[in-house]
Protein backbone atom coordinates (compact mmCIF):
# COMPACT_ATOMS: atom_id res chain seq x y z
CA MET A 1 3.88 6.08 20.28
CA LEU A 2 2.57 8.36 23.03
CA ASP A 3 4.77 11.20 21.79
CA LYS A 4 3.30 10.79 18.30
CA LEU A 5 -0.23 10.74 19.71
CA GLN A 6 0.38 13.90 21.73
CA GLY A 7 1.61 15.54 18.54
CA VAL A 8 -1.53 14.38 16.73
CA ALA A 9 -3.72 15.83 19.49
CA GLU A 10 -1.92 19.18 19.40
CA ARG A 11 -2.25 19.40 15.62
CA PHE A 12 -5.93 18.35 15.77
CA PHE A 13 -6.88 21.13 18.19
CA GLU A 14 -4.71 23.61 16.28
CA LEU A 15 -6.67 22.77 13.11
CA GLU A 16 -9.98 23.19 14.94
CA GLN A 17 -9.02 26.74 15.79
CA SER A 18 -7.80 27.43 12.26
CA LEU A 19 -11.05 26.17 10.73
CA SER A 20 -13.00 28.77 12.70
CA ASP A 21 -10.74 31.55 11.39
CA SER A 22 -12.51 33.52 8.61
CA GLN A 23 -9.23 34.06 6.76
CA ILE A 24 -8.67 30.29 6.52
CA VAL A 25 -12.31 29.62 5.60
CA ASN A 26 -12.05 32.06 2.69
CA ASN A 27 -8.75 30.60 1.49
CA ARG A 28 -9.67 28.22 -1.36
CA GLU A 29 -6.36 26.38 -1.22
CA LEU A 30 -5.79 26.02 2.52
CA TYR A 31 -9.35 25.41 3.73
CA PRO A 32 -9.99 22.08 1.93
CA LYS A 33 -6.51 20.83 2.93
CA TYR A 34 -7.15 21.68 6.58
CA VAL A 35 -10.61 20.08 6.48
CA LYS A 36 -9.17 16.85 5.10
CA GLU A 37 -6.28 16.80 7.59
CA HIS A 38 -8.68 17.50 10.47
CA SER A 39 -10.92 14.65 9.29
CA ASP A 40 -7.98 12.23 9.04
CA LEU A 41 -6.65 13.14 12.49
CA GLY A 42 -10.19 12.91 13.86
CA LYS A 43 -10.15 9.15 13.21
CA ILE A 44 -7.12 8.83 15.48
CA MET A 45 -8.58 11.15 18.12
CA ALA A 46 -11.77 9.06 18.20
CA VAL A 47 -9.64 6.23 19.63
CA PHE A 48 -6.98 8.24 21.49
CA GLN A 49 -9.35 10.17 23.74
CA PRO A 50 -11.18 7.05 25.05
CA TYR A 51 -7.75 5.40 25.37
CA GLN A 52 -6.59 8.19 27.68
CA GLN A 53 -9.66 7.60 29.84
CA VAL A 54 -8.96 3.86 30.02
CA VAL A 55 -5.33 4.52 31.03
CA LYS A 56 -6.53 6.87 33.77
CA GLU A 57 -9.05 4.33 35.08
CA LEU A 58 -6.42 1.58 35.04
CA GLU A 59 -4.00 3.70 37.09
CA GLU A 60 -6.77 4.51 39.55
CA SER A 61 -7.67 0.82 39.91
CA LYS A 62 -4.02 -0.06 40.61
CA GLU A 63 -3.96 2.61 43.31
CA LEU A 64 -7.08 1.08 44.89
CA LEU A 65 -5.14 -2.15 45.47
CA LYS A 66 -3.44 -0.25 48.32
CA ASP A 67 -6.83 0.54 49.93
CA GLY A 68 -7.52 -0.97 53.34
CA ASP A 69 -11.08 -1.95 52.44
CA PRO A 70 -11.09 -5.60 51.16
CA GLU A 71 -14.22 -5.06 49.04
CA ILE A 72 -12.65 -2.13 47.19
CA LYS A 73 -9.47 -4.17 46.63
CA ASP A 74 -11.53 -7.04 45.20
CA LEU A 75 -13.35 -4.68 42.82
CA ALA A 76 -10.01 -3.27 41.69
CA LYS A 77 -8.66 -6.79 41.08
CA GLU A 78 -11.68 -7.51 38.85
CA GLU A 79 -11.37 -4.26 36.90
CA ILE A 80 -7.61 -4.36 36.24
CA PRO A 81 -7.56 -7.33 33.77
CA VAL A 82 -10.58 -5.93 31.90
CA LEU A 83 -9.05 -2.48 31.61
CA SER A 84 -5.62 -3.91 30.71
CA ALA A 85 -7.13 -5.95 27.85
CA LYS A 86 -9.06 -2.91 26.63
CA LYS A 87 -5.89 -0.79 26.79
CA ALA A 88 -3.92 -3.35 24.74
CA GLU A 89 -6.69 -3.57 22.15
CA MET A 90 -6.84 0.20 21.78
CA GLU A 91 -3.04 0.43 21.51
CA ASN A 92 -3.10 -2.01 18.59
CA GLU A 93 -5.78 0.07 16.90
CA LEU A 94 -3.78 3.27 17.47
CA LYS A 95 -0.64 1.64 16.01
CA ARG A 96 -2.65 0.72 12.93
CA LEU A 97 -4.01 4.26 12.60
CA LEU A 98 -0.51 5.72 12.94
CA ILE A 99 0.85 3.74 9.99
CA PRO A 100 1.98 6.34 7.43
CA LYS A 101 -0.54 6.54 4.62
CA ASP A 102 0.49 5.57 1.13
CA PRO A 103 0.54 8.95 -0.66
CA ASN A 104 -1.04 7.28 -3.69
CA ASP A 105 -4.06 5.86 -1.84
CA GLU A 106 -6.45 8.67 -2.75
CA LYS A 107 -5.49 8.72 -6.44
CA ASN A 108 -7.34 7.34 -9.42
CA VAL A 109 -5.97 4.01 -10.55
CA ILE A 110 -4.96 2.52 -13.89
CA VAL A 111 -5.41 -1.25 -14.10
CA GLU A 112 -3.62 -3.13 -16.88
CA ILE A 113 -4.67 -6.75 -17.52
CA ARG A 114 -2.77 -8.92 -20.00
CA ALA A 115 -3.13 -12.49 -21.22
CA GLY A 116 -0.24 -14.75 -20.26
CA THR A 117 0.13 -18.47 -20.85
CA GLY A 118 -2.98 -20.28 -22.04
CA GLY A 119 -3.78 -18.72 -25.40
CA GLU A 120 -7.46 -17.93 -26.00
CA GLU A 121 -8.44 -19.17 -22.52
CA ALA A 122 -6.17 -16.55 -20.97
CA ALA A 123 -7.57 -13.88 -23.31
CA LEU A 124 -11.13 -14.74 -22.26
CA PHE A 125 -10.17 -14.51 -18.60
CA VAL A 126 -8.71 -11.03 -19.15
CA GLY A 127 -12.25 -9.95 -20.02
CA SER A 128 -13.67 -11.75 -16.96
CA LEU A 129 -11.23 -10.03 -14.60
CA PHE A 130 -11.85 -6.59 -16.06
CA ARG A 131 -15.60 -7.15 -15.69
CA MET A 132 -15.06 -8.30 -12.08
CA TYR A 133 -13.05 -5.18 -11.23
CA SER A 134 -15.53 -2.94 -13.03
CA ARG A 135 -18.46 -4.37 -11.05
CA TYR A 136 -16.59 -3.83 -7.78
CA ALA A 137 -15.55 -0.32 -8.82
CA GLU A 138 -19.20 0.54 -9.51
CA LYS A 139 -20.11 -0.55 -5.98
CA LYS A 140 -17.43 1.84 -4.72
CA ASN A 141 -18.90 4.68 -6.83
CA CYS A 142 -15.93 4.78 -9.18
CA LYS A 143 -16.20 5.99 -12.76
CA ILE A 144 -14.79 3.50 -15.28
CA GLU A 145 -12.95 4.45 -18.47
CA ILE A 146 -11.30 2.06 -20.92
CA LEU A 147 -8.01 3.60 -22.03
CA SER A 148 -6.89 0.86 -24.39
CA SER A 149 -7.94 -2.64 -25.46
CA HIS A 150 -6.77 -5.29 -27.90
CA GLU A 151 -9.53 -7.79 -28.61
CA THR A 152 -9.07 -11.31 -29.91
CA GLY A 153 -11.37 -13.04 -32.36
CA VAL A 154 -13.67 -14.84 -29.89
CA GLY A 155 -14.51 -12.19 -27.35
CA GLY A 156 -11.30 -12.20 -25.32
CA TYR A 157 -8.62 -9.56 -24.87
CA LYS A 158 -4.90 -9.78 -25.41
CA GLU A 159 -4.74 -6.69 -23.20
CA ILE A 160 -7.14 -4.20 -21.65
CA ILE A 161 -6.21 -1.04 -19.75
CA GLY A 162 -8.80 0.83 -17.73
CA MET A 163 -8.93 3.75 -15.35
CA PHE A 164 -11.10 3.75 -12.23
CA GLN A 165 -11.76 7.26 -10.99
CA GLY A 166 -13.04 7.83 -7.48
CA GLN A 167 -12.05 8.59 -3.90
CA GLY A 168 -9.44 6.11 -2.72
CA ALA A 169 -9.51 4.14 -5.98
CA TYR A 170 -5.83 3.14 -5.77
CA SER A 171 -6.18 1.97 -2.15
CA ILE A 172 -9.02 -0.34 -3.24
CA PHE A 173 -7.11 -2.13 -6.00
CA LYS A 174 -3.44 -1.80 -5.01
CA TYR A 175 -3.10 -5.39 -3.78
CA GLU A 176 -4.31 -6.88 -7.08
CA SER A 177 -0.93 -6.64 -8.86
CA GLY A 178 0.45 -10.03 -9.79
CA THR A 179 -0.26 -13.19 -11.73
CA HIS A 180 -3.83 -14.52 -11.57
CA ARG A 181 -4.20 -18.21 -12.48
CA VAL A 182 -7.43 -19.72 -13.83
CA GLN A 183 -8.24 -23.45 -13.89
CA ARG A 184 -11.25 -24.56 -15.93
CA VAL A 185 -12.41 -26.77 -18.80
CA PRO A 186 -12.41 -24.76 -22.06
CA THR A 187 -15.53 -24.98 -24.23
CA THR A 188 -13.34 -26.35 -27.02
CA GLU A 189 -12.05 -29.23 -24.85
CA ALA A 190 -13.84 -32.38 -26.01
CA GLN A 191 -12.42 -34.67 -23.29
CA GLY A 192 -13.26 -32.39 -20.36
CA ARG A 193 -9.68 -31.81 -19.29
CA ILE A 194 -8.92 -28.88 -16.98
CA HIS A 195 -6.59 -26.29 -18.48
CA THR A 196 -4.50 -23.83 -16.47
CA SER A 197 -4.02 -20.33 -17.85
CA ALA A 198 -2.45 -17.17 -16.47
CA VAL A 199 -3.25 -13.47 -16.61
CA THR A 200 -1.08 -10.65 -15.28
CA VAL A 201 -2.48 -7.57 -13.55
CA ALA A 202 -0.59 -4.30 -13.02
CA VAL A 203 -2.10 -1.63 -10.77
CA LEU A 204 -0.70 1.89 -11.21
CA PRO A 205 -1.70 5.12 -9.45
CA GLU A 206 -2.59 7.87 -11.92
CA ALA A 207 0.35 10.28 -12.20
CA GLU A 208 -0.22 14.00 -12.40
CA GLU A 209 1.82 16.12 -14.78
CA VAL A 210 3.51 17.84 -11.84
CA GLU A 211 4.72 14.45 -10.55
CA VAL A 212 6.10 13.11 -13.81
CA HIS A 213 7.26 15.62 -16.39
CA ILE A 214 7.48 14.24 -19.91
CA ASP A 215 9.67 16.16 -22.33
CA PRO A 216 7.84 16.22 -25.70
CA GLY A 217 11.25 16.00 -27.37
CA GLU A 218 11.73 12.55 -25.80
CA LEU A 219 8.59 11.15 -27.40
CA LYS A 220 8.17 9.41 -30.72
CA ILE A 221 4.52 9.52 -31.79
CA ASP A 222 3.23 7.37 -34.64
CA VAL A 223 -0.33 7.47 -35.99
CA TYR A 224 -2.03 4.79 -38.08
CA ARG A 225 -5.43 3.24 -38.74
CA SER A 226 -6.76 1.22 -35.83
CA GLY A 227 -7.40 -2.45 -36.38
CA GLY A 228 -9.88 -4.87 -34.88
CA PRO A 229 -9.74 -8.63 -34.25
CA GLY A 230 -8.13 -10.54 -37.09
CA GLY A 231 -6.51 -7.41 -38.49
CA GLN A 232 -9.69 -5.86 -39.90
CA SER A 233 -9.76 -2.08 -40.18
CA VAL A 234 -12.02 -0.34 -37.68
CA ASN A 235 -11.55 3.31 -38.65
CA THR A 236 -10.88 4.84 -42.03
CA THR A 237 -8.76 7.64 -40.56
CA ASP A 238 -5.33 7.57 -38.91
CA SER A 239 -6.68 7.79 -35.34
CA ALA A 240 -4.66 5.08 -33.57
CA VAL A 241 -1.65 6.41 -31.67
CA ARG A 242 1.57 4.71 -30.61
CA VAL A 243 3.69 6.71 -28.15
CA THR A 244 7.30 5.65 -27.51
CA HIS A 245 9.24 7.17 -24.62
CA LEU A 246 12.76 7.17 -26.06
CA PRO A 247 14.81 7.30 -22.81
CA THR A 248 13.08 4.22 -21.33
CA GLY A 249 11.77 2.44 -24.41
CA LEU A 250 8.26 2.30 -22.93
CA VAL A 251 5.57 1.98 -25.61
CA VAL A 252 1.86 2.73 -25.23
CA ILE A 253 -0.74 2.14 -27.94
CA CYS A 254 -4.27 3.56 -27.84
CA GLN A 255 -6.80 3.06 -30.62
CA ASP A 256 -10.23 2.86 -28.95
CA GLU A 257 -11.27 6.43 -29.71
CA LYS A 258 -12.06 7.76 -33.19
CA SER A 259 -10.20 10.94 -32.30
CA GLN A 260 -6.43 10.98 -32.65
CA ILE A 261 -6.19 13.65 -29.93
CA LYS A 262 -8.21 11.57 -27.45
CA ASN A 263 -6.10 8.50 -28.14
CA LYS A 264 -2.92 10.53 -27.64
CA ASN A 265 -4.16 11.95 -24.33
CA LYS A 266 -5.10 8.48 -23.09
CA ALA A 267 -1.72 7.09 -24.16
CA LEU A 268 0.07 9.85 -22.24
CA LYS A 269 -1.97 9.07 -19.12
CA VAL A 270 -0.85 5.44 -19.26
CA LEU A 271 2.75 6.41 -20.03
CA ARG A 272 2.86 8.86 -17.13
CA ALA A 273 1.53 6.19 -14.73
CA ARG A 274 4.10 3.65 -15.96
CA LEU A 275 6.93 6.12 -15.54
CA LEU A 276 5.82 6.92 -11.98
CA ASP A 277 5.61 3.20 -11.25
CA ARG A 278 9.13 2.72 -12.59
CA ILE A 279 10.43 5.50 -10.36
CA VAL A 280 8.76 3.92 -7.30
CA GLN A 281 10.13 0.47 -8.18
CA GLU A 282 13.65 1.90 -8.53
CA GLN A 283 13.30 3.59 -5.14
CA ASN A 284 12.15 0.29 -3.58
CA ASP A 285 15.17 -1.50 -5.08
CA LYS A 286 17.51 0.95 -3.37
CA ARG A 287 16.03 0.37 0.07
CA SER A 288 16.96 -2.34 2.54
CA GLU A 289 15.39 -5.79 2.35
CA ASP A 290 13.08 -4.92 5.25
CA ARG A 291 11.83 -1.86 3.44
CA LYS A 292 11.32 -3.72 0.16
CA ASN A 293 9.11 -6.26 1.93
CA GLN A 294 6.76 -3.60 3.23
CA VAL A 295 3.37 -2.83 1.75
CA GLY A 296 3.55 -1.45 -1.75
CA SER A 297 6.58 -3.31 -3.09
CA GLY A 298 4.17 -5.09 -5.47
CA ASP A 299 6.05 -7.92 -7.18
CA ARG A 300 3.95 -8.51 -10.29
CA SER A 301 5.74 -11.75 -11.17
CA GLU A 302 4.27 -13.42 -8.08
CA ARG A 303 1.36 -15.82 -8.51
CA ILE A 304 -1.11 -14.27 -6.14
CA ARG A 305 -4.45 -15.95 -6.79
CA THR A 306 -6.06 -19.03 -8.34
CA TYR A 307 -9.62 -19.19 -9.69
CA ASN A 308 -10.66 -22.87 -9.83
CA PHE A 309 -13.93 -23.31 -11.75
CA PRO A 310 -14.55 -27.07 -11.18
CA GLN A 311 -14.41 -26.56 -7.40
CA GLY A 312 -15.99 -23.10 -7.44
CA ARG A 313 -13.17 -21.71 -5.30
CA VAL A 314 -10.84 -18.71 -5.22
CA THR A 315 -7.55 -18.99 -3.31
CA ASP A 316 -5.34 -16.03 -2.48
CA HIS A 317 -1.90 -17.56 -1.95
CA ARG A 318 -0.42 -14.56 -0.11
CA ILE A 319 -2.74 -14.87 2.86
CA GLY A 320 -3.81 -18.51 2.52
CA LEU A 321 -7.48 -17.57 2.11
CA THR A 322 -9.82 -19.86 0.16
CA LEU A 323 -13.42 -18.84 -0.57
CA TYR A 324 -15.92 -21.18 -2.21
CA LYS A 325 -17.89 -18.46 -3.95
CA LEU A 326 -16.18 -18.06 -7.31
CA GLU A 327 -19.39 -17.08 -9.09
CA TYR A 328 -20.07 -14.18 -6.71
CA ILE A 329 -16.46 -12.97 -6.75
CA LEU A 330 -16.43 -12.82 -10.56
CA GLU A 331 -19.61 -10.74 -10.31
CA GLY A 332 -17.65 -8.16 -8.31
CA ASP A 333 -18.13 -9.37 -4.72
CA LEU A 334 -14.54 -8.64 -3.71
CA THR A 335 -15.23 -7.09 -0.30
CA GLU A 336 -14.05 -10.02 1.83
CA LEU A 337 -10.90 -10.55 -0.25
CA ILE A 338 -9.96 -6.86 -0.23
CA GLU A 339 -10.59 -6.48 3.52
CA GLU A 340 -8.57 -9.59 4.40
CA LEU A 341 -5.66 -8.43 2.22
CA THR A 342 -5.73 -4.93 3.74
CA THR A 343 -5.70 -6.34 7.28
CA TYR A 344 -2.84 -8.71 6.44
CA TYR A 345 -0.62 -6.06 4.86
CA GLN A 346 -1.30 -3.58 7.64
CA ALA A 347 -0.15 -6.22 10.15
CA GLN A 348 2.98 -6.89 8.04
CA HIS A 349 3.68 -3.17 7.91
CA LEU A 350 3.42 -2.92 11.70
CA LYS A 351 5.88 -5.82 12.13
CA ASN A 352 8.36 -4.19 9.76
CA VAL A 353 8.05 -0.83 11.49
CA ASP A 354 8.66 -2.50 14.88
CA LYS A 355 11.78 -4.24 13.48
CA LEU A 356 13.16 -0.98 12.09
CA ASN A 357 12.55 0.76 15.39
């Protein structure tokens, strides 16, 4: 770890010199990259420099144990456990900061929510989850765009796909992939019985064209009139677009816009993200079991969370966390959940890295 930290320090000071160079400052491509890298390394240096001071003080205190003056030796004995604890705490923080960043963390994110078992109850909860994520995204200064939606007849959604655009959007939502279970009494239930429904969430980083090239010759594009709930016609022109990626069989349908071109562009965004996700999943499958269990493997078939309305609780099964504030969470108060999940997965990542080393 110390070798890595020394390398970080050397690079940090090298960047400081570069950022005062007029040639770098005037370079529109390099300058913002260097500023960002300097800022990222600065977070590590903010801990590493005080850590070096603590290590120095600890070594000095250990040397004082050899002093002939009993009072000085007693002071050293008092300082050593305090400094040792501080050193261990800072080492843990430095290990966390040295975890390789997910290259997708800073990207915009596409969130796909689909109704599973539970019929109309599941469809209604799709809308509730999208609203919850939208409220939280707004708090994080993200711009929200609905890419595709398929409404049901009573205000629910068979499927809704949205993009959240903002700094670090993917890092905010990346642990939400999986099956979300809801337990509540439907309004149509005369006997007050609790029903259990399920909704699946897929979280995909937005893929740039340079990352995933789509050959137009491998696409089948169909246009037709968009339909609303119950099959009614919404538009009188052929604006809905269905894009089929022939090599993989992936199909994306977009019909929310009145413009065929806009629907096509949105469909291609979703398709590109799904193709990138497929590539990542295939790469994960080729790695060892240890690597597959690290952060980012994202098994969407896993039941990750239960929303229990009668008890007003939300339970995240991955980390064993139960919060009795369902109403606030559905209004977008996801901070505690997101922070606990991030801490847990960072700890898991550290364990896996230690095993591999």
